């Protein structure tokens, strides 16, 4: 097989694997969607990975209008997922931070995903799992770290 053929075969394998992984992601997020919407879960993920943010910065990172986003934040505050905290450096600014419930929801989804991956990978022999780890490490290095914006699209 030539270099172009192996690249095509690798791309096809990655495409199929990505569909399997998207299934795991969808299943891990589905129960959280009983409590929050996917856009709200995106907010929780962003705060979980990036820490507390000013309202305007958070809206910008999500690519939404700040005034529209404010109504969504009101619902998230009322639901106990996030809290508004005055910025100690500027009284005019408000910082949005996760509550323990918000942090817990993100952690639960992440753990559910990790558990499902563990179950899937446990079906393989130890040397096959080592091959998977090696292949995923290579793929991650070649792809580079995804941006927060890329991950937020899927609520990751």
C-alpha atoms as a PDB file:
ATOM      1  CA  UNK A   1       0.000   0.000   0.000  1.00  0.00           C
ATOM      2  CA  UNK A   2       1.386   3.412  -0.971  1.00  0.00           C
ATOM      3  CA  UNK A   3       1.665   6.427   1.317  1.00  0.00           C
ATOM      4  CA  UNK A   4      -1.505   7.974  -0.103  1.00  0.00           C
ATOM      5  CA  UNK A   5      -3.394   4.698   0.326  1.00  0.00           C
ATOM      6  CA  UNK A   6      -2.301   4.316   3.949  1.00  0.00           C
ATOM      7  CA  UNK A   7      -3.266   7.936   4.656  1.00  0.00           C
ATOM      8  CA  UNK A   8      -6.712   7.284   3.148  1.00  0.00           C
ATOM      9  CA  UNK A   9      -7.114   4.066   5.106  1.00  0.00           C
ATOM     10  CA  UNK A  10      -6.065   5.850   8.307  1.00  0.00           C
ATOM     11  CA  UNK A  11      -8.526   8.686   7.596  1.00  0.00           C
ATOM     12  CA  UNK A  12     -11.327   6.163   7.033  1.00  0.00           C
ATOM     13  CA  UNK A  13     -10.467   4.367  10.280  1.00  0.00           C
ATOM     14  CA  UNK A  14     -10.389   7.679  12.162  1.00  0.00           C
ATOM     15  CA  UNK A  15     -13.765   8.642  10.704  1.00  0.00           C
ATOM     16  CA  UNK A  16     -15.351   5.379  11.829  1.00  0.00           C
ATOM     17  CA  UNK A  17     -13.706   5.629  15.270  1.00  0.00           C
ATOM     18  CA  UNK A  18     -14.904   9.226  15.640  1.00  0.00           C
ATOM     19  CA  UNK A  19     -18.493   8.096  15.062  1.00  0.00           C
ATOM     20  CA  UNK A  20     -18.093   5.468  17.779  1.00  0.00           C
ATOM     21  CA  UNK A  21     -16.631   8.094  20.129  1.00  0.00           C
ATOM     22  CA  UNK A  22     -19.432  10.537  19.317  1.00  0.00           C
ATOM     23  CA  UNK A  23     -21.856   7.826  20.382  1.00  0.00           C
ATOM     24  CA  UNK A  24     -20.069   7.560  23.722  1.00  0.00           C
ATOM     25  CA  UNK A  25     -20.119  11.348  24.065  1.00  0.00           C
ATOM     26  CA  UNK A  26     -23.833  11.546  23.238  1.00  0.00           C
ATOM     27  CA  UNK A  27     -24.687   8.828  25.760  1.00  0.00           C
ATOM     28  CA  UNK A  28     -22.568  10.463  28.468  1.00  0.00           C
ATOM     29  CA  UNK A  29     -24.248  13.852  27.985  1.00  0.00           C
ATOM     30  CA  UNK A  30     -27.815  12.628  27.499  1.00  0.00           C
ATOM     31  CA  UNK A  31     -28.781  12.355  31.167  1.00  0.00           C
ATOM     32  CA  UNK A  32     -27.355  15.820  31.887  1.00  0.00           C
ATOM     33  CA  UNK A  33     -29.787  17.179  29.296  1.00  0.00           C
ATOM     34  CA  UNK A  34     -32.609  16.269  31.682  1.00  0.00           C
ATOM     35  CA  UNK A  35     -31.279  19.089  33.892  1.00  0.00           C
ATOM     36  CA  UNK A  36     -29.767  21.623  31.483  1.00  0.00           C
ATOM     37  CA  UNK A  37     -29.915  22.395  27.789  1.00  0.00           C
ATOM     38  CA  UNK A  38     -26.942  21.647  25.561  1.00  0.00           C
ATOM     39  CA  UNK A  39     -26.047  25.382  25.346  1.00  0.00           C
ATOM     40  CA  UNK A  40     -26.192  25.575  29.145  1.00  0.00           C
ATOM     41  CA  UNK A  41     -23.988  22.509  29.422  1.00  0.00           C
ATOM     42  CA  UNK A  42     -21.530  24.264  27.086  1.00  0.00           C
ATOM     43  CA  UNK A  43     -21.383  27.119  29.615  1.00  0.00           C
ATOM     44  CA  UNK A  44     -20.676  24.667  32.432  1.00  0.00           C
ATOM     45  CA  UNK A  45     -17.905  22.986  30.438  1.00  0.00           C
ATOM     46  CA  UNK A  46     -16.303  26.316  29.580  1.00  0.00           C
ATOM     47  CA  UNK A  47     -16.347  27.447  33.214  1.00  0.00           C
ATOM     48  CA  UNK A  48     -15.104  24.056  34.357  1.00  0.00           C
ATOM     49  CA  UNK A  49     -12.129  24.132  32.016  1.00  0.00           C
ATOM     50  CA  UNK A  50     -11.398  27.857  32.026  1.00  0.00           C
ATOM     51  CA  UNK A  51     -12.420  28.989  35.494  1.00  0.00           C
ATOM     52  CA  UNK A  52     -14.669  31.918  36.396  1.00  0.00           C
ATOM     53  CA  UNK A  53     -15.188  34.479  33.630  1.00  0.00           C
ATOM     54  CA  UNK A  54     -16.710  37.913  33.208  1.00  0.00           C
ATOM     55  CA  UNK A  55     -20.187  37.751  31.691  1.00  0.00           C
ATOM     56  CA  UNK A  56     -19.125  39.539  28.490  1.00  0.00           C
ATOM     57  CA  UNK A  57     -16.069  37.327  28.005  1.00  0.00           C
ATOM     58  CA  UNK A  58     -18.172  34.224  28.541  1.00  0.00           C
ATOM     59  CA  UNK A  59     -20.754  35.392  25.986  1.00  0.00           C
ATOM     60  CA  UNK A  60     -17.962  36.179  23.491  1.00  0.00           C
ATOM     61  CA  UNK A  61     -16.378  32.753  23.942  1.00  0.00           C
ATOM     62  CA  UNK A  62     -19.745  31.144  23.315  1.00  0.00           C
ATOM     63  CA  UNK A  63     -20.375  33.370  20.297  1.00  0.00           C
ATOM     64  CA  UNK A  64     -23.671  34.689  21.637  1.00  0.00           C
ATOM     65  CA  UNK A  65     -25.199  38.121  22.205  1.00  0.00           C
ATOM     66  CA  UNK A  66     -24.521  39.315  25.765  1.00  0.00           C
ATOM     67  CA  UNK A  67     -28.113  40.516  26.366  1.00  0.00           C
ATOM     68  CA  UNK A  68     -29.617  37.244  25.142  1.00  0.00           C
ATOM     69  CA  UNK A  69     -27.048  35.331  27.156  1.00  0.00           C
ATOM     70  CA  UNK A  70     -28.019  37.208  30.306  1.00  0.00           C
ATOM     71  CA  UNK A  71     -31.488  35.612  30.238  1.00  0.00           C
ATOM     72  CA  UNK A  72     -29.938  32.167  29.895  1.00  0.00           C
ATOM     73  CA  UNK A  73     -27.632  32.948  32.811  1.00  0.00           C
ATOM     74  CA  UNK A  74     -30.663  33.962  34.886  1.00  0.00           C
ATOM     75  CA  UNK A  75     -32.112  30.483  34.327  1.00  0.00           C
ATOM     76  CA  UNK A  76     -28.781  28.840  35.159  1.00  0.00           C
ATOM     77  CA  UNK A  77     -28.463  30.854  38.376  1.00  0.00           C
ATOM     78  CA  UNK A  78     -32.053  29.981  39.306  1.00  0.00           C
ATOM     79  CA  UNK A  79     -31.275  26.319  38.594  1.00  0.00           C
ATOM     80  CA  UNK A  80     -28.274  26.438  40.922  1.00  0.00           C
ATOM     81  CA  UNK A  81     -25.675  25.632  38.210  1.00  0.00           C
ATOM     82  CA  UNK A  82     -23.747  28.931  38.265  1.00  0.00           C
ATOM     83  CA  UNK A  83     -23.520  32.018  40.431  1.00  0.00           C
ATOM     84  CA  UNK A  84     -22.843  35.651  39.769  1.00  0.00           C
ATOM     85  CA  UNK A  85     -20.013  37.063  41.847  1.00  0.00           C
ATOM     86  CA  UNK A  86     -18.981  40.721  41.967  1.00  0.00           C
ATOM     87  CA  UNK A  87     -15.553  41.262  40.447  1.00  0.00           C
ATOM     88  CA  UNK A  88     -13.280  42.342  43.320  1.00  0.00           C
ATOM     89  CA  UNK A  89     -11.240  44.426  40.861  1.00  0.00           C
ATOM     90  CA  UNK A  90     -14.206  46.284  39.350  1.00  0.00           C
ATOM     91  CA  UNK A  91     -17.586  46.813  40.981  1.00  0.00           C
ATOM     92  CA  UNK A  92     -19.247  47.251  37.585  1.00  0.00           C
ATOM     93  CA  UNK A  93     -18.273  43.772  36.420  1.00  0.00           C
ATOM     94  CA  UNK A  94     -19.799  40.446  37.312  1.00  0.00           C
ATOM     95  CA  UNK A  95     -17.933  37.151  37.281  1.00  0.00           C
ATOM     96  CA  UNK A  96     -19.751  33.921  36.492  1.00  0.00           C
ATOM     97  CA  UNK A  97     -18.573  30.877  38.422  1.00  0.00           C
ATOM     98  CA  UNK A  98     -19.719  27.290  38.748  1.00  0.00           C
ATOM     99  CA  UNK A  99     -21.571  26.174  41.813  1.00  0.00           C
ATOM    100  CA  UNK A 100     -20.810  22.790  43.331  1.00  0.00           C
ATOM    101  CA  UNK A 101     -23.866  21.455  41.479  1.00  0.00           C
ATOM    102  CA  UNK A 102     -22.530  22.760  38.149  1.00  0.00           C
ATOM    103  CA  UNK A 103     -19.079  21.379  38.815  1.00  0.00           C
ATOM    104  CA  UNK A 104     -20.617  18.074  39.843  1.00  0.00           C
ATOM    105  CA  UNK A 105     -22.700  17.794  36.673  1.00  0.00           C
ATOM    106  CA  UNK A 106     -19.627  18.264  34.462  1.00  0.00           C
ATOM    107  CA  UNK A 107     -17.674  15.768  36.590  1.00  0.00           C
ATOM    108  CA  UNK A 108     -20.515  13.237  36.400  1.00  0.00           C
ATOM    109  CA  UNK A 109     -20.668  13.464  32.604  1.00  0.00           C
ATOM    110  CA  UNK A 110     -16.870  13.152  32.366  1.00  0.00           C
ATOM    111  CA  UNK A 111     -16.825  10.149  34.680  1.00  0.00           C
ATOM    112  CA  UNK A 112     -19.688   8.500  32.792  1.00  0.00           C
ATOM    113  CA  UNK A 113     -17.718   8.956  29.562  1.00  0.00           C
ATOM    114  CA  UNK A 114     -14.509   7.618  31.157  1.00  0.00           C
ATOM    115  CA  UNK A 115     -16.424   4.603  32.516  1.00  0.00           C
ATOM    116  CA  UNK A 116     -17.894   3.773  29.111  1.00  0.00           C
ATOM    117  CA  UNK A 117     -14.474   4.042  27.455  1.00  0.00           C
ATOM    118  CA  UNK A 118     -13.049   1.766  30.165  1.00  0.00           C
ATOM    119  CA  UNK A 119     -15.795  -0.792  29.489  1.00  0.00           C
ATOM    120  CA  UNK A 120     -15.179  -0.697  25.740  1.00  0.00           C
ATOM    121  CA  UNK A 121     -11.412  -0.955  26.097  1.00  0.00           C
ATOM    122  CA  UNK A 122     -11.673  -3.777  28.649  1.00  0.00           C
ATOM    123  CA  UNK A 123     -12.885  -5.994  25.784  1.00  0.00           C
ATOM    124  CA  UNK A 124      -9.408  -5.772  24.262  1.00  0.00           C
ATOM    125  CA  UNK A 125      -6.286  -7.672  25.241  1.00  0.00           C
ATOM    126  CA  UNK A 126      -3.728  -5.668  27.257  1.00  0.00           C
ATOM    127  CA  UNK A 127      -1.357  -5.360  24.263  1.00  0.00           C
ATOM    128  CA  UNK A 128      -4.250  -4.095  22.111  1.00  0.00           C
ATOM    129  CA  UNK A 129      -5.053  -1.450  24.738  1.00  0.00           C
ATOM    130  CA  UNK A 130      -1.367  -0.421  24.689  1.00  0.00           C
ATOM    131  CA  UNK A 131      -1.610  -0.088  20.906  1.00  0.00           C
ATOM    132  CA  UNK A 132      -4.723   2.085  21.304  1.00  0.00           C
ATOM    133  CA  UNK A 133      -2.958   4.329  23.823  1.00  0.00           C
ATOM    134  CA  UNK A 134       0.013   4.678  21.492  1.00  0.00           C
ATOM    135  CA  UNK A 135      -2.184   5.366  18.457  1.00  0.00           C
ATOM    136  CA  UNK A 136      -4.300   7.932  20.321  1.00  0.00           C
ATOM    137  CA  UNK A 137      -1.183   9.657  21.641  1.00  0.00           C
ATOM    138  CA  UNK A 138       0.162   9.882  18.088  1.00  0.00           C
ATOM    139  CA  UNK A 139      -3.173  11.161  16.790  1.00  0.00           C
ATOM    140  CA  UNK A 140      -3.453  13.764  19.552  1.00  0.00           C
ATOM    141  CA  UNK A 141       0.075  15.008  18.873  1.00  0.00           C
ATOM    142  CA  UNK A 142      -0.590  15.263  15.132  1.00  0.00           C
ATOM    143  CA  UNK A 143      -3.964  16.973  15.606  1.00  0.00           C
ATOM    144  CA  UNK A 144      -2.819  19.353  18.322  1.00  0.00           C
ATOM    145  CA  UNK A 145      -4.869  20.373  21.310  1.00  0.00           C
ATOM    146  CA  UNK A 146      -8.404  21.328  20.246  1.00  0.00           C
ATOM    147  CA  UNK A 147      -9.471  24.853  21.011  1.00  0.00           C
ATOM    148  CA  UNK A 148     -12.121  25.472  23.632  1.00  0.00           C
ATOM    149  CA  UNK A 149     -14.330  26.805  20.823  1.00  0.00           C
ATOM    150  CA  UNK A 150     -14.027  23.504  18.950  1.00  0.00           C
ATOM    151  CA  UNK A 151     -15.012  21.548  22.034  1.00  0.00           C
ATOM    152  CA  UNK A 152     -17.829  23.877  22.975  1.00  0.00           C
ATOM    153  CA  UNK A 153     -19.582  23.165  19.719  1.00  0.00           C
ATOM    154  CA  UNK A 154     -20.370  19.707  21.062  1.00  0.00           C
ATOM    155  CA  UNK A 155     -20.744  20.641  24.701  1.00  0.00           C
ATOM    156  CA  UNK A 156     -17.488  19.012  25.678  1.00  0.00           C
END
